[in-house]
Amino acid sequence: MNNSLPFSDFPGDLQKRLEKKSDPGTRDWWQGYVKNSAPFLGVKMAEIRKAVHAWHQSLELGTLPAEQEIELALALISRRYSEEKLAGILYLQEILLPAGMLSCVQMASSFADLFIQNAIYYWNVCDWFCVKVLGPMIDREGDTCAAAIQDWHTSPNLWQARASLVAFVPVAGRREYYPGIDEACRVLIRRPERFAKTAVGWILRDISRHDHRFVKKLVSENIDHFTRESAQNALKYFEKDEKQELLKGLKGRGADPSAR
């Protein structure tokens, strides 16, 4: 590696690159839109992507052992700013995954630690991680990976539990995963947190494109635990009359915007 920078300074080097692309208006917009999340530098996604690839190339990170590249990606997700966390996810998604350097079975524990250690603690980073990294890994590796992620549905950590469903959005048409999704939905919809319930609504919405009856059964059997927000999302692609009939069980309940 033609680079004298110490390994421990690599994440800080990327932060400096991101700071050069920061915009106060972008920062203020994101911090107003995603309240209570990790703070923002104010860098647009296209610029984060460019910075990650330029950083990786200029520091010749591809010459590092796979273990160190993975360590770097996870270290970025554990850093302070949302853009650094998203950069770590892009590193996993666009560099390490295509290179075949990630195994779901080997990484499941390290990924779980990101939630347990509060490196992922709000929906924007959680959902990006699920859709861009976990979902493609499930699609590629199949049942063993799916089982490892589905096991997270009982986690007391809200975001890890949410990931047990949102990770399956990219593979919502794969019926072999529906038994595990069904179990996870029935657990998360009973949790009080808004973002547990909206995870159920999201995955059911996407499954309804492939299996209408699965969604109808799950919603009708658990309607007492849905908010209007999560139910409306789950039933988004239902016919109007059928949707209205299922929504009768809500008794006027809405989402609790104060619930995390």
C-alpha atoms as a PDB file:
ATOM      1  CA  MET A   1       0.000   0.000   0.000  1.00  0.00           C
ATOM      2  CA  ASN A   2       1.479   3.277  -1.125  1.00  0.00           C
ATOM      3  CA  ASN A   3       0.155   5.250   1.797  1.00  0.00           C
ATOM      4  CA  SER A   4       1.775   6.407   5.031  1.00  0.00           C
ATOM      5  CA  LEU A   5      -1.511   7.115   6.833  1.00  0.00           C
ATOM      6  CA  PRO A   6      -2.005   4.857   9.880  1.00  0.00           C
ATOM      7  CA  PHE A   7      -4.874   2.386   9.605  1.00  0.00           C
ATOM      8  CA  SER A   8      -6.646   3.975  12.584  1.00  0.00           C
ATOM      9  CA  ASP A   9      -6.753   7.318  10.738  1.00  0.00           C
ATOM     10  CA  PHE A  10      -8.575   6.009   7.651  1.00  0.00           C
ATOM     11  CA  PRO A  11     -12.106   6.770   8.928  1.00  0.00           C
ATOM     12  CA  GLY A  12     -11.069  10.281   9.937  1.00  0.00           C
ATOM     13  CA  ASP A  13      -9.644  10.846   6.465  1.00  0.00           C
ATOM     14  CA  LEU A  14     -13.016  10.011   4.935  1.00  0.00           C
ATOM     15  CA  GLN A  15     -14.758  12.352   7.367  1.00  0.00           C
ATOM     16  CA  LYS A  16     -12.552  15.204   6.160  1.00  0.00           C
ATOM     17  CA  ARG A  17     -13.447  14.384   2.557  1.00  0.00           C
ATOM     18  CA  LEU A  18     -17.151  14.431   3.437  1.00  0.00           C
ATOM     19  CA  GLU A  19     -16.849  17.705   5.333  1.00  0.00           C
ATOM     20  CA  LYS A  20     -15.507  19.361   2.171  1.00  0.00           C
ATOM     21  CA  LYS A  21     -18.778  18.423   0.426  1.00  0.00           C
ATOM     22  CA  SER A  22     -21.059  19.530   3.265  1.00  0.00           C
ATOM     23  CA  ASP A  23     -23.807  22.080   2.710  1.00  0.00           C
ATOM     24  CA  PRO A  24     -25.572  23.848   5.609  1.00  0.00           C
ATOM     25  CA  GLY A  25     -28.901  23.860   3.781  1.00  0.00           C
ATOM     26  CA  THR A  26     -28.759  20.121   3.146  1.00  0.00           C
ATOM     27  CA  ARG A  27     -27.715  19.535   6.764  1.00  0.00           C
ATOM     28  CA  ASP A  28     -30.589  21.602   8.166  1.00  0.00           C
ATOM     29  CA  TRP A  29     -33.137  19.910   5.900  1.00  0.00           C
ATOM     30  CA  TRP A  30     -32.090  16.401   6.926  1.00  0.00           C
ATOM     31  CA  GLN A  31     -31.899  17.256  10.620  1.00  0.00           C
ATOM     32  CA  GLY A  32     -35.416  18.691  10.404  1.00  0.00           C
ATOM     33  CA  TYR A  33     -36.745  15.680   8.495  1.00  0.00           C
ATOM     34  CA  VAL A  34     -35.034  12.891  10.462  1.00  0.00           C
ATOM     35  CA  LYS A  35     -35.393  14.081  14.038  1.00  0.00           C
ATOM     36  CA  ASN A  36     -33.444  12.380  16.847  1.00  0.00           C
ATOM     37  CA  SER A  37     -31.129  10.642  14.399  1.00  0.00           C
ATOM     38  CA  ALA A  38     -27.364  10.813  14.245  1.00  0.00           C
ATOM     39  CA  PRO A  39     -26.293  14.366  13.351  1.00  0.00           C
ATOM     40  CA  PHE A  40     -25.776  15.261   9.699  1.00  0.00           C
ATOM     41  CA  LEU A  41     -22.860  16.912   7.954  1.00  0.00           C
ATOM     42  CA  GLY A  42     -25.074  17.936   5.054  1.00  0.00           C
ATOM     43  CA  VAL A  43     -23.721  15.773   2.204  1.00  0.00           C
ATOM     44  CA  LYS A  44     -25.957  14.434  -0.541  1.00  0.00           C
ATOM     45  CA  MET A  45     -25.982  10.693  -1.244  1.00  0.00           C
ATOM     46  CA  ALA A  46     -24.335  11.032  -4.652  1.00  0.00           C
ATOM     47  CA  GLU A  47     -21.445  12.899  -3.044  1.00  0.00           C
ATOM     48  CA  ILE A  48     -21.134  10.321  -0.259  1.00  0.00           C
ATOM     49  CA  ARG A  49     -20.879   7.600  -2.889  1.00  0.00           C
ATOM     50  CA  LYS A  50     -18.213   9.497  -4.840  1.00  0.00           C
ATOM     51  CA  ALA A  51     -16.243  10.176  -1.668  1.00  0.00           C
ATOM     52  CA  VAL A  52     -16.273   6.527  -0.587  1.00  0.00           C
ATOM     53  CA  HIS A  53     -14.995   5.253  -3.915  1.00  0.00           C
ATOM     54  CA  ALA A  54     -12.374   7.991  -4.254  1.00  0.00           C
ATOM     55  CA  TRP A  55     -11.181   7.341  -0.684  1.00  0.00           C
ATOM     56  CA  HIS A  56     -11.027   3.601  -1.279  1.00  0.00           C
ATOM     57  CA  GLN A  57      -9.036   4.061  -4.457  1.00  0.00           C
ATOM     58  CA  SER A  58      -6.675   6.788  -3.317  1.00  0.00           C
ATOM     59  CA  LEU A  59      -5.708   4.992  -0.105  1.00  0.00           C
ATOM     60  CA  GLU A  60      -5.458   1.674  -1.987  1.00  0.00           C
ATOM     61  CA  LEU A  61      -7.723   0.012   0.547  1.00  0.00           C
ATOM     62  CA  GLY A  62      -8.278  -2.895  -1.810  1.00  0.00           C
ATOM     63  CA  THR A  63      -4.780  -4.098  -0.934  1.00  0.00           C
ATOM     64  CA  LEU A  64      -5.792  -4.642   2.695  1.00  0.00           C
ATOM     65  CA  PRO A  65      -6.784  -8.088   3.996  1.00  0.00           C
ATOM     66  CA  ALA A  66     -10.538  -8.683   3.800  1.00  0.00           C
ATOM     67  CA  GLU A  67     -10.818  -8.617   7.586  1.00  0.00           C
ATOM     68  CA  GLN A  68      -9.419  -5.102   7.740  1.00  0.00           C
ATOM     69  CA  GLU A  69     -11.693  -3.817   4.990  1.00  0.00           C
ATOM     70  CA  ILE A  70     -14.693  -5.212   6.862  1.00  0.00           C
ATOM     71  CA  GLU A  71     -13.388  -3.648  10.063  1.00  0.00           C
ATOM     72  CA  LEU A  72     -13.198  -0.281   8.318  1.00  0.00           C
ATOM     73  CA  ALA A  73     -16.754  -0.505   7.012  1.00  0.00           C
ATOM     74  CA  LEU A  74     -18.123  -1.380  10.442  1.00  0.00           C
ATOM     75  CA  ALA A  75     -16.027   1.380  12.030  1.00  0.00           C
ATOM     76  CA  LEU A  76     -17.613   3.920   9.699  1.00  0.00           C
ATOM     77  CA  ILE A  77     -21.122   2.773  10.667  1.00  0.00           C
ATOM     78  CA  SER A  78     -20.122   3.233  14.301  1.00  0.00           C
ATOM     79  CA  ARG A  79     -18.995   6.825  13.820  1.00  0.00           C
ATOM     80  CA  ARG A  80     -20.901   9.956  14.765  1.00  0.00           C
ATOM     81  CA  TYR A  81     -22.380  11.399  11.598  1.00  0.00           C
ATOM     82  CA  SER A  82     -25.177   9.931   9.494  1.00  0.00           C
ATOM     83  CA  GLU A  83     -23.118  10.379   6.329  1.00  0.00           C
ATOM     84  CA  GLU A  84     -20.280   8.340   7.833  1.00  0.00           C
ATOM     85  CA  LYS A  85     -22.735   5.583   8.707  1.00  0.00           C
ATOM     86  CA  LEU A  86     -24.166   5.646   5.197  1.00  0.00           C
ATOM     87  CA  ALA A  87     -20.626   5.599   3.812  1.00  0.00           C
ATOM     88  CA  GLY A  88     -19.933   2.410   5.768  1.00  0.00           C
ATOM     89  CA  ILE A  89     -23.070   0.840   4.345  1.00  0.00           C
ATOM     90  CA  LEU A  90     -22.070   1.870   0.803  1.00  0.00           C
ATOM     91  CA  TYR A  91     -18.642   0.325   1.455  1.00  0.00           C
ATOM     92  CA  LEU A  92     -20.321  -2.965   2.333  1.00  0.00           C
ATOM     93  CA  GLN A  93     -22.853  -2.779  -0.499  1.00  0.00           C
ATOM     94  CA  GLU A  94     -20.800  -1.518  -3.423  1.00  0.00           C
ATOM     95  CA  ILE A  95     -17.280  -2.732  -2.669  1.00  0.00           C
ATOM     96  CA  LEU A  96     -17.226  -5.692  -0.295  1.00  0.00           C
ATOM     97  CA  LEU A  97     -20.389  -7.511  -1.359  1.00  0.00           C
ATOM     98  CA  PRO A  98     -19.526  -7.576  -5.079  1.00  0.00           C
ATOM     99  CA  ALA A  99     -16.028  -8.785  -4.196  1.00  0.00           C
ATOM    100  CA  GLY A 100     -17.514 -11.773  -2.344  1.00  0.00           C
ATOM    101  CA  MET A 101     -15.896 -10.682   0.913  1.00  0.00           C
ATOM    102  CA  LEU A 102     -18.998 -10.945   3.118  1.00  0.00           C
ATOM    103  CA  SER A 103     -20.661 -14.063   4.500  1.00  0.00           C
ATOM    104  CA  CYS A 104     -23.979 -13.643   6.268  1.00  0.00           C
ATOM    105  CA  VAL A 105     -23.307 -16.458   8.715  1.00  0.00           C
ATOM    106  CA  GLN A 106     -19.913 -15.030   9.619  1.00  0.00           C
ATOM    107  CA  MET A 107     -21.129 -11.442   9.774  1.00  0.00           C
ATOM    108  CA  ALA A 108     -24.496 -11.846  11.556  1.00  0.00           C
ATOM    109  CA  SER A 109     -22.989 -11.407  15.019  1.00  0.00           C
ATOM    110  CA  SER A 110     -20.961  -8.345  13.991  1.00  0.00           C
ATOM    111  CA  PHE A 111     -24.016  -6.830  12.316  1.00  0.00           C
ATOM    112  CA  ALA A 112     -26.094  -7.467  15.444  1.00  0.00           C
ATOM    113  CA  ASP A 113     -23.449  -5.651  17.487  1.00  0.00           C
ATOM    114  CA  LEU A 114     -24.046  -2.501  15.430  1.00  0.00           C
ATOM    115  CA  PHE A 115     -27.537  -2.339  16.920  1.00  0.00           C
ATOM    116  CA  ILE A 116     -26.585  -3.477  20.399  1.00  0.00           C
ATOM    117  CA  GLN A 117     -23.790  -0.890  20.572  1.00  0.00           C
ATOM    118  CA  ASN A 118     -26.167   1.831  19.375  1.00  0.00           C
ATOM    119  CA  ALA A 119     -24.293   2.473  16.139  1.00  0.00           C
ATOM    120  CA  ILE A 120     -27.645   2.102  14.329  1.00  0.00           C
ATOM    121  CA  TYR A 121     -30.357   3.841  16.269  1.00  0.00           C
ATOM    122  CA  TYR A 122     -32.824   5.431  13.895  1.00  0.00           C
ATOM    123  CA  TRP A 123     -34.856   4.497  10.834  1.00  0.00           C
ATOM    124  CA  ASN A 124     -32.838   6.219   8.114  1.00  0.00           C
ATOM    125  CA  VAL A 125     -29.623   4.250   8.696  1.00  0.00           C
ATOM    126  CA  CYS A 126     -31.453   1.096   9.818  1.00  0.00           C
ATOM    127  CA  ASP A 127     -33.563   0.907   6.668  1.00  0.00           C
ATOM    128  CA  TRP A 128     -30.684   1.698   4.312  1.00  0.00           C
ATOM    129  CA  PHE A 129     -28.607  -1.046   5.938  1.00  0.00           C
ATOM    130  CA  CYS A 130     -31.481  -3.503   5.600  1.00  0.00           C
ATOM    131  CA  VAL A 131     -32.357  -2.788   1.983  1.00  0.00           C
ATOM    132  CA  LYS A 132     -28.827  -2.300   0.663  1.00  0.00           C
ATOM    133  CA  VAL A 133     -26.866  -4.923   2.615  1.00  0.00           C
ATOM    134  CA  LEU A 134     -29.003  -7.452   4.491  1.00  0.00           C
ATOM    135  CA  GLY A 135     -31.619  -7.971   1.778  1.00  0.00           C
ATOM    136  CA  PRO A 136     -29.068  -8.691  -0.973  1.00  0.00           C
ATOM    137  CA  MET A 137     -27.217 -11.069   1.362  1.00  0.00           C
ATOM    138  CA  ILE A 138     -30.451 -12.976   2.050  1.00  0.00           C
ATOM    139  CA  ASP A 139     -31.164 -13.096  -1.680  1.00  0.00           C
ATOM    140  CA  ARG A 140     -27.693 -14.448  -2.413  1.00  0.00           C
ATOM    141  CA  GLU A 141     -27.212 -16.866   0.487  1.00  0.00           C
ATOM    142  CA  GLY A 142     -30.740 -18.119   1.082  1.00  0.00           C
ATOM    143  CA  ASP A 143     -32.222 -19.940   4.053  1.00  0.00           C
ATOM    144  CA  THR A 144     -29.236 -19.897   6.406  1.00  0.00           C
ATOM    145  CA  CYS A 145     -28.861 -16.135   6.122  1.00  0.00           C
ATOM    146  CA  ALA A 146     -32.623 -15.601   6.318  1.00  0.00           C
ATOM    147  CA  ALA A 147     -32.838 -17.607   9.544  1.00  0.00           C
ATOM    148  CA  ALA A 148     -29.995 -15.635  11.146  1.00  0.00           C
ATOM    149  CA  ILE A 149     -31.706 -12.302  10.423  1.00  0.00           C
ATOM    150  CA  GLN A 150     -35.196 -13.509  11.327  1.00  0.00           C
ATOM    151  CA  ASP A 151     -33.897 -14.513  14.753  1.00  0.00           C
ATOM    152  CA  TRP A 152     -33.546 -10.805  15.511  1.00  0.00           C
ATOM    153  CA  HIS A 153     -37.323 -10.335  15.808  1.00  0.00           C
ATOM    154  CA  THR A 154     -37.229 -11.060  19.539  1.00  0.00           C
ATOM    155  CA  SER A 155     -34.466  -8.551  20.244  1.00  0.00           C
ATOM    156  CA  PRO A 156     -35.336  -5.926  22.862  1.00  0.00           C
ATOM    157  CA  ASN A 157     -33.462  -3.447  20.662  1.00  0.00           C
ATOM    158  CA  LEU A 158     -36.124  -1.768  18.500  1.00  0.00           C
ATOM    159  CA  TRP A 159     -33.910  -1.256  15.460  1.00  0.00           C
ATOM    160  CA  GLN A 160     -32.532  -4.779  15.420  1.00  0.00           C
ATOM    161  CA  ALA A 161     -36.069  -6.122  15.712  1.00  0.00           C
ATOM    162  CA  ARG A 162     -37.212  -3.801  12.897  1.00  0.00           C
ATOM    163  CA  ALA A 163     -34.363  -5.096  10.735  1.00  0.00           C
ATOM    164  CA  SER A 164     -35.716  -8.646  11.077  1.00  0.00           C
ATOM    165  CA  LEU A 165     -38.575  -7.562   8.792  1.00  0.00           C
ATOM    166  CA  VAL A 166     -37.248  -4.673   6.704  1.00  0.00           C
ATOM    167  CA  ALA A 167     -34.335  -6.852   5.515  1.00  0.00           C
ATOM    168  CA  PHE A 168     -36.898  -8.985   3.670  1.00  0.00           C
ATOM    169  CA  VAL A 169     -38.372  -6.146   1.620  1.00  0.00           C
ATOM    170  CA  PRO A 170     -35.954  -6.831  -1.284  1.00  0.00           C
ATOM    171  CA  VAL A 171     -37.040 -10.511  -1.300  1.00  0.00           C
ATOM    172  CA  ALA A 172     -40.744  -9.991  -0.570  1.00  0.00           C
ATOM    173  CA  GLY A 173     -41.722 -12.341  -3.388  1.00  0.00           C
ATOM    174  CA  ARG A 174     -39.857 -15.306  -1.888  1.00  0.00           C
ATOM    175  CA  ARG A 175     -42.608 -17.389  -0.257  1.00  0.00           C
ATOM    176  CA  GLU A 176     -40.183 -19.718   1.487  1.00  0.00           C
ATOM    177  CA  TYR A 177     -39.494 -16.879   3.930  1.00  0.00           C
ATOM    178  CA  TYR A 178     -43.131 -16.205   4.788  1.00  0.00           C
ATOM    179  CA  PRO A 179     -43.360 -18.498   7.858  1.00  0.00           C
ATOM    180  CA  GLY A 180     -40.528 -16.586   9.538  1.00  0.00           C
ATOM    181  CA  ILE A 181     -41.950 -13.248   8.413  1.00  0.00           C
ATOM    182  CA  ASP A 182     -45.345 -14.238   9.781  1.00  0.00           C
ATOM    183  CA  GLU A 183     -43.833 -15.023  13.189  1.00  0.00           C
ATOM    184  CA  ALA A 184     -41.851 -11.783  13.254  1.00  0.00           C
ATOM    185  CA  CYS A 185     -44.868  -9.697  12.225  1.00  0.00           C
ATOM    186  CA  ARG A 186     -46.983 -11.134  15.029  1.00  0.00           C
ATOM    187  CA  VAL A 187     -44.294 -10.198  17.554  1.00  0.00           C
ATOM    188  CA  LEU A 188     -43.462  -6.722  16.258  1.00  0.00           C
ATOM    189  CA  ILE A 189     -47.062  -5.614  15.756  1.00  0.00           C
ATOM    190  CA  ARG A 190     -47.629  -6.177  19.484  1.00  0.00           C
ATOM    191  CA  ARG A 191     -44.783  -3.873  20.439  1.00  0.00           C
ATOM    192  CA  PRO A 192     -45.786  -0.320  21.393  1.00  0.00           C
ATOM    193  CA  GLU A 193     -43.143   1.491  19.341  1.00  0.00           C
ATOM    194  CA  ARG A 194     -44.267   3.179  16.145  1.00  0.00           C
ATOM    195  CA  PHE A 195     -41.281   1.882  14.151  1.00  0.00           C
ATOM    196  CA  ALA A 196     -41.942  -1.721  15.145  1.00  0.00           C
ATOM    197  CA  LYS A 197     -45.473  -1.449  13.763  1.00  0.00           C
ATOM    198  CA  THR A 198     -44.449   0.407  10.603  1.00  0.00           C
ATOM    199  CA  ALA A 199     -41.946  -2.356   9.815  1.00  0.00           C
ATOM    200  CA  VAL A 200     -44.894  -4.763   9.736  1.00  0.00           C
ATOM    201  CA  GLY A 201     -46.876  -2.446   7.500  1.00  0.00           C
ATOM    202  CA  TRP A 202     -43.985  -2.070   5.079  1.00  0.00           C
ATOM    203  CA  ILE A 203     -43.189  -5.762   4.615  1.00  0.00           C
ATOM    204  CA  LEU A 204     -46.870  -6.680   4.292  1.00  0.00           C
ATOM    205  CA  ARG A 205     -47.405  -3.983   1.677  1.00  0.00           C
ATOM    206  CA  ASP A 206     -44.677  -5.493  -0.479  1.00  0.00           C
ATOM    207  CA  ILE A 207     -45.779  -9.083   0.140  1.00  0.00           C
ATOM    208  CA  SER A 208     -49.343  -8.175  -0.883  1.00  0.00           C
ATOM    209  CA  ARG A 209     -48.092  -7.833  -4.469  1.00  0.00           C
ATOM    210  CA  HIS A 210     -47.296 -11.562  -4.385  1.00  0.00           C
ATOM    211  CA  ASP A 211     -49.610 -13.151  -1.796  1.00  0.00           C
ATOM    212  CA  HIS A 212     -52.832 -11.294  -1.047  1.00  0.00           C
ATOM    213  CA  ARG A 213     -54.235 -13.988   1.233  1.00  0.00           C
ATOM    214  CA  PHE A 214     -51.159 -14.094   3.462  1.00  0.00           C
ATOM    215  CA  VAL A 215     -51.476 -10.383   4.199  1.00  0.00           C
ATOM    216  CA  LYS A 216     -55.245 -10.436   4.675  1.00  0.00           C
ATOM    217  CA  LYS A 217     -55.003 -13.296   7.185  1.00  0.00           C
ATOM    218  CA  LEU A 218     -52.233 -11.691   9.197  1.00  0.00           C
ATOM    219  CA  VAL A 219     -53.902  -8.279   9.317  1.00  0.00           C
ATOM    220  CA  SER A 220     -57.356  -9.624  10.191  1.00  0.00           C
ATOM    221  CA  GLU A 221     -55.992 -11.821  12.990  1.00  0.00           C
ATOM    222  CA  ASN A 222     -53.950  -8.985  14.522  1.00  0.00           C
ATOM    223  CA  ILE A 223     -56.000  -5.891  13.704  1.00  0.00           C
ATOM    224  CA  ASP A 224     -56.304  -4.955  17.394  1.00  0.00           C
ATOM    225  CA  HIS A 225     -52.567  -4.288  17.456  1.00  0.00           C
ATOM    226  CA  PHE A 226     -52.270  -2.214  14.268  1.00  0.00           C
ATOM    227  CA  THR A 227     -52.270   1.554  14.167  1.00  0.00           C
ATOM    228  CA  ARG A 228     -54.047   3.243  11.280  1.00  0.00           C
ATOM    229  CA  GLU A 229     -50.659   4.182   9.828  1.00  0.00           C
ATOM    230  CA  SER A 230     -49.314   0.630   9.779  1.00  0.00           C
ATOM    231  CA  ALA A 231     -52.603  -0.898   8.595  1.00  0.00           C
ATOM    232  CA  GLN A 232     -53.034   1.606   5.772  1.00  0.00           C
ATOM    233  CA  ASN A 233     -49.550   0.782   4.554  1.00  0.00           C
ATOM    234  CA  ALA A 234     -50.061  -2.993   4.781  1.00  0.00           C
ATOM    235  CA  LEU A 235     -53.293  -2.711   2.773  1.00  0.00           C
ATOM    236  CA  LYS A 236     -52.107  -0.093   0.281  1.00  0.00           C
ATOM    237  CA  TYR A 237     -52.640  -2.330  -2.759  1.00  0.00           C
ATOM    238  CA  PHE A 238     -55.951  -3.866  -1.628  1.00  0.00           C
ATOM    239  CA  GLU A 239     -59.236  -3.031  -3.324  1.00  0.00           C
ATOM    240  CA  LYS A 240     -61.054  -0.175  -1.619  1.00  0.00           C
ATOM    241  CA  ASP A 241     -64.002  -2.199  -0.274  1.00  0.00           C
ATOM    242  CA  GLU A 242     -61.830  -4.960   1.154  1.00  0.00           C
ATOM    243  CA  LYS A 243     -59.474  -2.441   2.710  1.00  0.00           C
ATOM    244  CA  GLN A 244     -62.319  -0.559   4.384  1.00  0.00           C
ATOM    245  CA  GLU A 245     -63.757  -3.791   5.771  1.00  0.00           C
ATOM    246  CA  LEU A 246     -60.436  -4.768   7.346  1.00  0.00           C
ATOM    247  CA  LEU A 247     -59.852  -1.265   8.709  1.00  0.00           C
ATOM    248  CA  LYS A 248     -63.127  -1.333  10.661  1.00  0.00           C
ATOM    249  CA  GLY A 249     -61.340  -3.214  13.419  1.00  0.00           C
ATOM    250  CA  LEU A 250     -59.067  -0.248  14.119  1.00  0.00           C
ATOM    251  CA  LYS A 251     -61.809   1.631  16.010  1.00  0.00           C
ATOM    252  CA  GLY A 252     -60.388   4.968  14.935  1.00  0.00           C
ATOM    253  CA  ARG A 253     -56.895   4.409  16.263  1.00  0.00           C
ATOM    254  CA  GLY A 254     -54.082   6.293  14.597  1.00  0.00           C
ATOM    255  CA  ALA A 255     -50.315   6.278  14.838  1.00  0.00           C
ATOM    256  CA  ASP A 256     -48.719   7.638  17.954  1.00  0.00           C
ATOM    257  CA  PRO A 257     -46.210  10.147  16.536  1.00  0.00           C
ATOM    258  CA  SER A 258     -44.419  10.373  19.872  1.00  0.00           C
ATOM    259  CA  ALA A 259     -43.609   6.662  19.982  1.00  0.00           C
ATOM    260  CA  ARG A 260     -40.137   5.686  18.829  1.00  0.00           C
END
